[in-house]
C-alpha cells in the first residue's frame, strides 16, 4: 500500500461495522481476507463496486477492462506495479472484507486519517 502505508511499522485503526451494513465504497482502504491464502489479511483500496467498469494495467503496456460482478469488489494496492491484488486474482467476494481502515496512529508523523 505504498505510499499510503509503509511496508512495516504502520499501526492503523479499523472498524468492523461498515462492511456489514454496506457502507464500503470506492476509495476506502479495507482489510480483506486473501482469496489466495485465507490465513492472510490484506490491506487494499476498493477501486470498484459491483456493476462498476474497471480499467487496469496488467503490465505498463497492456490494459484491460472488466465489470465487477454482483456481490464482489475490485481491490488494488496503491503501489500499482508491486501489489498482488484483483489484477492478479480477480474480483473479491464482498464477504471477504473484514474491516474498514479509518485512522493511522503510528508512526507519529503519519498520525491521522488516510489520504488517497
N, C-alpha and C. Protein backbone atom coordinates (compact mmCIF):
# COMPACT_ATOMS: atom_id res chain seq x y z
N UNK A 1 0.81 -1.20 0.00
CA UNK A 1 0.00 0.00 0.00
C UNK A 1 0.85 1.26 0.00
N UNK A 2 2.11 1.13 -0.36
CA UNK A 2 2.92 2.32 -0.52
C UNK A 2 2.27 3.22 -1.56
N UNK A 3 2.26 4.48 -1.46
CA UNK A 3 2.85 5.32 -0.44
C UNK A 3 1.92 5.61 0.74
N UNK A 4 0.67 5.13 0.68
CA UNK A 4 -0.28 5.42 1.76
C UNK A 4 0.16 4.81 3.08
N UNK A 5 0.56 3.55 3.05
CA UNK A 5 1.05 2.85 4.24
C UNK A 5 2.45 2.35 3.99
N UNK A 6 3.27 2.33 5.04
CA UNK A 6 4.63 1.81 4.93
C UNK A 6 4.60 0.29 4.87
N UNK A 7 5.69 -0.32 4.42
CA UNK A 7 5.76 -1.78 4.34
C UNK A 7 5.63 -2.42 5.71
N UNK A 8 6.27 -1.84 6.71
CA UNK A 8 6.18 -2.36 8.07
C UNK A 8 6.08 -1.20 9.05
N UNK A 9 5.49 -1.46 10.18
CA UNK A 9 5.51 -0.48 11.25
C UNK A 9 4.31 0.43 11.37
N UNK A 10 3.46 0.51 10.36
CA UNK A 10 2.28 1.35 10.49
C UNK A 10 1.24 0.64 11.36
N UNK A 11 0.67 1.39 12.27
CA UNK A 11 -0.39 0.88 13.12
C UNK A 11 -1.65 1.65 12.76
N UNK A 12 -2.69 0.93 12.33
CA UNK A 12 -3.92 1.58 11.89
C UNK A 12 -5.10 1.10 12.71
N UNK A 13 -6.14 1.91 12.73
CA UNK A 13 -7.39 1.52 13.37
C UNK A 13 -8.38 1.18 12.27
N UNK A 14 -9.11 0.09 12.49
CA UNK A 14 -10.13 -0.33 11.54
C UNK A 14 -11.41 -0.62 12.31
N UNK A 15 -12.52 -0.30 11.69
CA UNK A 15 -13.80 -0.64 12.32
C UNK A 15 -14.42 -1.80 11.54
N UNK A 16 -15.25 -2.55 12.23
CA UNK A 16 -15.78 -3.79 11.65
C UNK A 16 -17.30 -3.78 11.51
N UNK A 17 -17.86 -2.59 11.28
CA UNK A 17 -19.31 -2.48 11.13
C UNK A 17 -19.70 -2.06 9.72
N UNK A 18 -19.00 -1.09 9.15
CA UNK A 18 -19.37 -0.52 7.84
C UNK A 18 -19.58 -1.58 6.77
N UNK A 19 -18.69 -2.53 6.68
CA UNK A 19 -18.82 -3.54 5.62
C UNK A 19 -20.05 -4.42 5.83
N UNK A 20 -20.49 -4.54 7.07
CA UNK A 20 -21.67 -5.38 7.35
C UNK A 20 -22.97 -4.69 6.99
N UNK A 21 -22.95 -3.36 6.96
CA UNK A 21 -24.17 -2.62 6.63
C UNK A 21 -24.07 -1.96 5.26
N UNK A 22 -23.11 -2.40 4.45
CA UNK A 22 -22.99 -1.92 3.08
C UNK A 22 -22.45 -0.52 2.92
N UNK A 23 -21.64 -0.06 3.87
CA UNK A 23 -21.11 1.30 3.82
C UNK A 23 -19.64 1.35 3.42
N UNK A 24 -19.24 0.45 2.53
CA UNK A 24 -17.89 0.47 1.98
C UNK A 24 -18.02 0.85 0.52
N UNK A 25 -17.18 1.78 0.08
CA UNK A 25 -17.27 2.23 -1.30
C UNK A 25 -15.91 2.46 -1.93
N UNK A 26 -15.93 2.82 -3.17
CA UNK A 26 -14.68 3.08 -3.91
C UNK A 26 -13.87 4.15 -3.19
N UNK A 27 -12.59 3.90 -3.06
CA UNK A 27 -11.68 4.83 -2.39
C UNK A 27 -11.38 4.43 -0.96
N UNK A 28 -12.20 3.59 -0.36
CA UNK A 28 -11.97 3.16 1.03
C UNK A 28 -10.82 2.16 1.11
N UNK A 29 -10.04 2.26 2.18
CA UNK A 29 -8.99 1.28 2.46
C UNK A 29 -9.61 0.23 3.37
N UNK A 30 -9.50 -1.04 2.97
CA UNK A 30 -10.15 -2.11 3.71
C UNK A 30 -9.18 -3.23 4.07
N UNK A 31 -9.56 -3.99 5.08
CA UNK A 31 -8.87 -5.22 5.42
C UNK A 31 -9.65 -6.34 4.74
N UNK A 32 -8.96 -7.17 3.96
CA UNK A 32 -9.61 -8.23 3.19
C UNK A 32 -8.90 -9.54 3.45
N UNK A 33 -9.69 -10.59 3.70
CA UNK A 33 -9.10 -11.92 3.82
C UNK A 33 -8.65 -12.33 2.42
N UNK A 34 -7.41 -12.75 2.30
CA UNK A 34 -6.84 -13.10 0.99
C UNK A 34 -7.62 -14.25 0.35
N UNK A 35 -8.04 -14.08 -0.91
CA UNK A 35 -8.71 -15.18 -1.60
C UNK A 35 -7.73 -16.28 -1.99
N UNK A 36 -6.43 -15.99 -1.96
CA UNK A 36 -5.40 -16.96 -2.31
C UNK A 36 -4.93 -17.73 -1.08
N UNK A 37 -4.75 -17.04 0.06
CA UNK A 37 -4.30 -17.64 1.30
C UNK A 37 -5.18 -17.13 2.44
N UNK A 38 -6.24 -17.87 2.81
CA UNK A 38 -7.20 -17.40 3.81
C UNK A 38 -6.60 -17.09 5.19
N UNK A 39 -5.36 -17.47 5.43
CA UNK A 39 -4.72 -17.16 6.71
C UNK A 39 -4.19 -15.73 6.74
N UNK A 40 -4.13 -15.07 5.58
CA UNK A 40 -3.58 -13.71 5.50
C UNK A 40 -4.68 -12.68 5.36
N UNK A 41 -4.44 -11.52 5.97
CA UNK A 41 -5.33 -10.37 5.82
C UNK A 41 -4.56 -9.31 5.02
N UNK A 42 -5.16 -8.83 3.96
CA UNK A 42 -4.55 -7.83 3.09
C UNK A 42 -5.13 -6.45 3.39
N UNK A 43 -4.34 -5.43 3.19
CA UNK A 43 -4.82 -4.05 3.28
C UNK A 43 -4.78 -3.49 1.86
N UNK A 44 -5.96 -3.19 1.32
CA UNK A 44 -6.05 -2.72 -0.07
C UNK A 44 -7.10 -1.62 -0.17
N UNK A 45 -7.10 -0.94 -1.29
CA UNK A 45 -8.07 0.12 -1.55
C UNK A 45 -9.16 -0.44 -2.49
N UNK A 46 -10.40 -0.14 -2.19
CA UNK A 46 -11.51 -0.52 -3.05
C UNK A 46 -11.51 0.42 -4.26
N UNK A 47 -11.43 -0.16 -5.45
CA UNK A 47 -11.40 0.62 -6.68
C UNK A 47 -12.75 0.56 -7.38
N UNK A 48 -13.45 -0.55 -7.24
CA UNK A 48 -14.75 -0.69 -7.91
C UNK A 48 -15.70 -1.56 -7.12
N UNK A 49 -16.97 -1.20 -7.18
CA UNK A 49 -18.04 -1.96 -6.54
C UNK A 49 -18.80 -2.74 -7.61
N UNK A 50 -19.72 -3.60 -7.18
CA UNK A 50 -20.46 -4.40 -8.15
C UNK A 50 -21.13 -3.51 -9.20
N UNK A 51 -21.00 -3.96 -10.45
CA UNK A 51 -21.57 -3.20 -11.56
C UNK A 51 -20.66 -2.15 -12.16
N UNK A 52 -19.59 -1.78 -11.45
CA UNK A 52 -18.65 -0.79 -11.97
C UNK A 52 -17.77 -1.38 -13.07
N UNK A 53 -17.42 -0.56 -14.04
CA UNK A 53 -16.45 -0.96 -15.05
C UNK A 53 -15.09 -0.46 -14.59
N UNK A 54 -14.13 -1.37 -14.50
CA UNK A 54 -12.79 -1.05 -14.01
C UNK A 54 -11.77 -1.29 -15.11
N UNK A 55 -10.94 -0.29 -15.37
CA UNK A 55 -9.82 -0.44 -16.29
C UNK A 55 -8.56 -0.55 -15.46
N UNK A 56 -7.70 -1.48 -15.84
CA UNK A 56 -6.48 -1.70 -15.07
C UNK A 56 -5.36 -2.16 -15.99
N UNK A 57 -4.14 -1.91 -15.55
CA UNK A 57 -2.96 -2.33 -16.31
C UNK A 57 -2.47 -3.67 -15.81
N UNK A 58 -2.31 -4.61 -16.74
CA UNK A 58 -1.71 -5.90 -16.42
C UNK A 58 -0.20 -5.73 -16.36
N UNK A 59 0.33 -4.96 -17.27
CA UNK A 59 1.73 -4.51 -17.26
C UNK A 59 1.71 -3.09 -17.84
N UNK A 60 2.84 -2.40 -17.81
CA UNK A 60 2.83 -0.99 -18.25
C UNK A 60 2.33 -0.75 -19.68
N UNK A 61 2.35 -1.78 -20.52
CA UNK A 61 1.98 -1.60 -21.92
C UNK A 61 0.62 -2.19 -22.28
N UNK A 62 -0.04 -2.92 -21.36
CA UNK A 62 -1.26 -3.63 -21.70
C UNK A 62 -2.33 -3.39 -20.64
N UNK A 63 -3.47 -2.87 -21.07
CA UNK A 63 -4.56 -2.63 -20.12
C UNK A 63 -5.77 -3.49 -20.48
N UNK A 64 -6.63 -3.72 -19.48
CA UNK A 64 -7.85 -4.48 -19.65
C UNK A 64 -8.99 -3.74 -18.98
N UNK A 65 -10.19 -4.10 -19.35
CA UNK A 65 -11.38 -3.56 -18.72
C UNK A 65 -12.27 -4.72 -18.32
N UNK A 66 -12.89 -4.61 -17.15
CA UNK A 66 -13.81 -5.65 -16.68
C UNK A 66 -14.94 -5.00 -15.91
N UNK A 67 -16.04 -5.72 -15.79
CA UNK A 67 -17.16 -5.27 -14.99
C UNK A 67 -17.17 -6.10 -13.71
N UNK A 68 -17.24 -5.43 -12.56
CA UNK A 68 -17.23 -6.11 -11.27
C UNK A 68 -18.58 -6.82 -11.10
N UNK A 69 -18.55 -8.16 -10.88
CA UNK A 69 -19.80 -8.91 -10.76
C UNK A 69 -20.55 -8.62 -9.45
N UNK A 70 -21.80 -8.98 -9.44
CA UNK A 70 -22.66 -8.78 -8.28
C UNK A 70 -22.05 -9.47 -7.05
N UNK A 71 -22.05 -8.76 -5.91
CA UNK A 71 -21.55 -9.33 -4.67
C UNK A 71 -20.03 -9.31 -4.53
N UNK A 72 -19.35 -8.58 -5.41
CA UNK A 72 -17.90 -8.52 -5.41
C UNK A 72 -17.41 -7.07 -5.38
N UNK A 73 -16.13 -6.91 -5.06
CA UNK A 73 -15.45 -5.62 -5.14
C UNK A 73 -14.14 -5.82 -5.89
N UNK A 74 -13.62 -4.74 -6.43
CA UNK A 74 -12.32 -4.76 -7.09
C UNK A 74 -11.36 -4.02 -6.17
N UNK A 75 -10.30 -4.69 -5.73
CA UNK A 75 -9.34 -4.06 -4.81
C UNK A 75 -7.97 -3.97 -5.47
N UNK A 76 -7.25 -2.90 -5.15
CA UNK A 76 -5.89 -2.72 -5.64
C UNK A 76 -5.06 -2.05 -4.57
N UNK A 77 -3.78 -2.37 -4.58
CA UNK A 77 -2.84 -1.67 -3.72
C UNK A 77 -2.47 -0.35 -4.35
N UNK A 78 -2.05 0.61 -3.55
CA UNK A 78 -1.67 1.92 -4.07
C UNK A 78 -0.36 1.88 -4.85
N UNK A 79 0.48 0.88 -4.58
CA UNK A 79 1.74 0.71 -5.29
C UNK A 79 1.46 -0.20 -6.49
N UNK A 80 1.00 0.40 -7.57
CA UNK A 80 0.46 -0.32 -8.72
C UNK A 80 1.31 -1.46 -9.23
N UNK A 81 2.61 -1.26 -9.36
CA UNK A 81 3.44 -2.27 -10.00
C UNK A 81 4.04 -3.29 -9.04
N UNK A 82 3.76 -3.16 -7.75
CA UNK A 82 4.31 -4.13 -6.79
C UNK A 82 3.22 -4.59 -5.82
N UNK A 83 2.02 -4.80 -6.33
CA UNK A 83 0.92 -5.17 -5.47
C UNK A 83 0.21 -6.40 -6.02
N UNK A 84 -0.05 -7.35 -5.15
CA UNK A 84 -0.83 -8.52 -5.51
C UNK A 84 -2.28 -8.22 -5.12
N UNK A 85 -3.13 -8.09 -6.12
CA UNK A 85 -4.50 -7.63 -5.86
C UNK A 85 -5.44 -8.18 -6.91
N UNK A 86 -6.58 -7.54 -7.12
CA UNK A 86 -7.59 -8.04 -8.05
C UNK A 86 -7.06 -8.18 -9.48
N UNK A 87 -6.02 -7.45 -9.82
CA UNK A 87 -5.43 -7.61 -11.15
C UNK A 87 -4.84 -9.00 -11.31
N UNK A 88 -4.52 -9.66 -10.19
CA UNK A 88 -3.94 -11.00 -10.23
C UNK A 88 -4.94 -12.09 -9.92
N UNK A 89 -5.85 -11.84 -8.95
CA UNK A 89 -6.80 -12.90 -8.56
C UNK A 89 -8.25 -12.55 -8.83
N UNK A 90 -8.51 -11.45 -9.52
CA UNK A 90 -9.87 -11.12 -9.93
C UNK A 90 -10.69 -10.43 -8.85
N UNK A 91 -11.96 -10.22 -9.14
CA UNK A 91 -12.85 -9.58 -8.16
C UNK A 91 -12.92 -10.41 -6.89
N UNK A 92 -13.08 -9.73 -5.77
CA UNK A 92 -13.11 -10.39 -4.46
C UNK A 92 -14.53 -10.37 -3.92
N UNK A 93 -15.03 -11.51 -3.42
CA UNK A 93 -16.37 -11.50 -2.82
C UNK A 93 -16.45 -10.49 -1.68
N UNK A 94 -17.54 -9.74 -1.65
CA UNK A 94 -17.73 -8.72 -0.62
C UNK A 94 -17.61 -9.32 0.78
N UNK A 95 -17.99 -10.57 0.95
CA UNK A 95 -17.93 -11.25 2.25
C UNK A 95 -16.52 -11.42 2.80
N UNK A 96 -15.49 -11.25 1.96
CA UNK A 96 -14.11 -11.38 2.45
C UNK A 96 -13.60 -10.09 3.09
N UNK A 97 -14.35 -9.00 2.98
CA UNK A 97 -13.95 -7.76 3.64
C UNK A 97 -14.12 -7.94 5.14
N UNK A 98 -13.07 -7.65 5.89
CA UNK A 98 -13.05 -7.83 7.33
C UNK A 98 -13.20 -6.53 8.11
N UNK A 99 -12.88 -5.41 7.49
CA UNK A 99 -12.96 -4.13 8.19
C UNK A 99 -12.58 -2.98 7.28
N UNK A 100 -12.86 -1.77 7.75
CA UNK A 100 -12.56 -0.55 7.01
C UNK A 100 -11.56 0.27 7.83
N UNK A 101 -10.40 0.53 7.23
CA UNK A 101 -9.35 1.29 7.90
C UNK A 101 -9.73 2.77 7.85
N UNK A 102 -9.63 3.44 9.01
CA UNK A 102 -10.02 4.85 9.02
C UNK A 102 -9.00 5.78 9.65
N UNK A 103 -7.95 5.26 10.30
CA UNK A 103 -7.03 6.14 11.00
C UNK A 103 -5.67 5.47 11.19
N UNK A 104 -4.59 6.24 11.05
CA UNK A 104 -3.24 5.74 11.33
C UNK A 104 -2.80 6.36 12.65
N UNK A 105 -2.33 5.51 13.58
CA UNK A 105 -1.87 6.01 14.88
C UNK A 105 -0.36 5.96 15.02
N UNK A 106 0.32 5.21 14.17
CA UNK A 106 1.78 5.12 14.21
C UNK A 106 2.30 4.97 12.81
N UNK A 107 3.36 5.61 12.44
CA UNK A 107 4.27 6.46 13.20
C UNK A 107 3.67 7.85 13.46
N UNK A 108 4.24 8.55 14.43
CA UNK A 108 3.68 9.86 14.82
C UNK A 108 3.58 10.86 13.66
N UNK A 109 4.53 10.85 12.75
CA UNK A 109 4.48 11.81 11.65
C UNK A 109 3.38 11.50 10.63
N UNK A 110 2.80 10.30 10.72
CA UNK A 110 1.71 9.94 9.83
C UNK A 110 0.36 9.88 10.52
N UNK A 111 0.32 10.35 11.79
CA UNK A 111 -0.89 10.30 12.61
C UNK A 111 -2.04 11.01 11.90
N UNK A 112 -3.18 10.34 11.80
CA UNK A 112 -4.37 10.96 11.21
C UNK A 112 -5.08 10.07 10.24
N UNK A 113 -6.03 10.66 9.51
CA UNK A 113 -6.79 9.89 8.54
C UNK A 113 -5.92 9.53 7.34
N UNK A 114 -6.33 8.52 6.61
CA UNK A 114 -5.58 8.08 5.43
C UNK A 114 -6.01 8.89 4.23
N UNK A 115 -5.05 9.47 3.53
CA UNK A 115 -5.32 10.25 2.33
C UNK A 115 -5.23 9.35 1.12
N UNK A 116 -6.01 9.66 0.09
CA UNK A 116 -5.95 8.89 -1.16
C UNK A 116 -4.77 9.31 -1.97
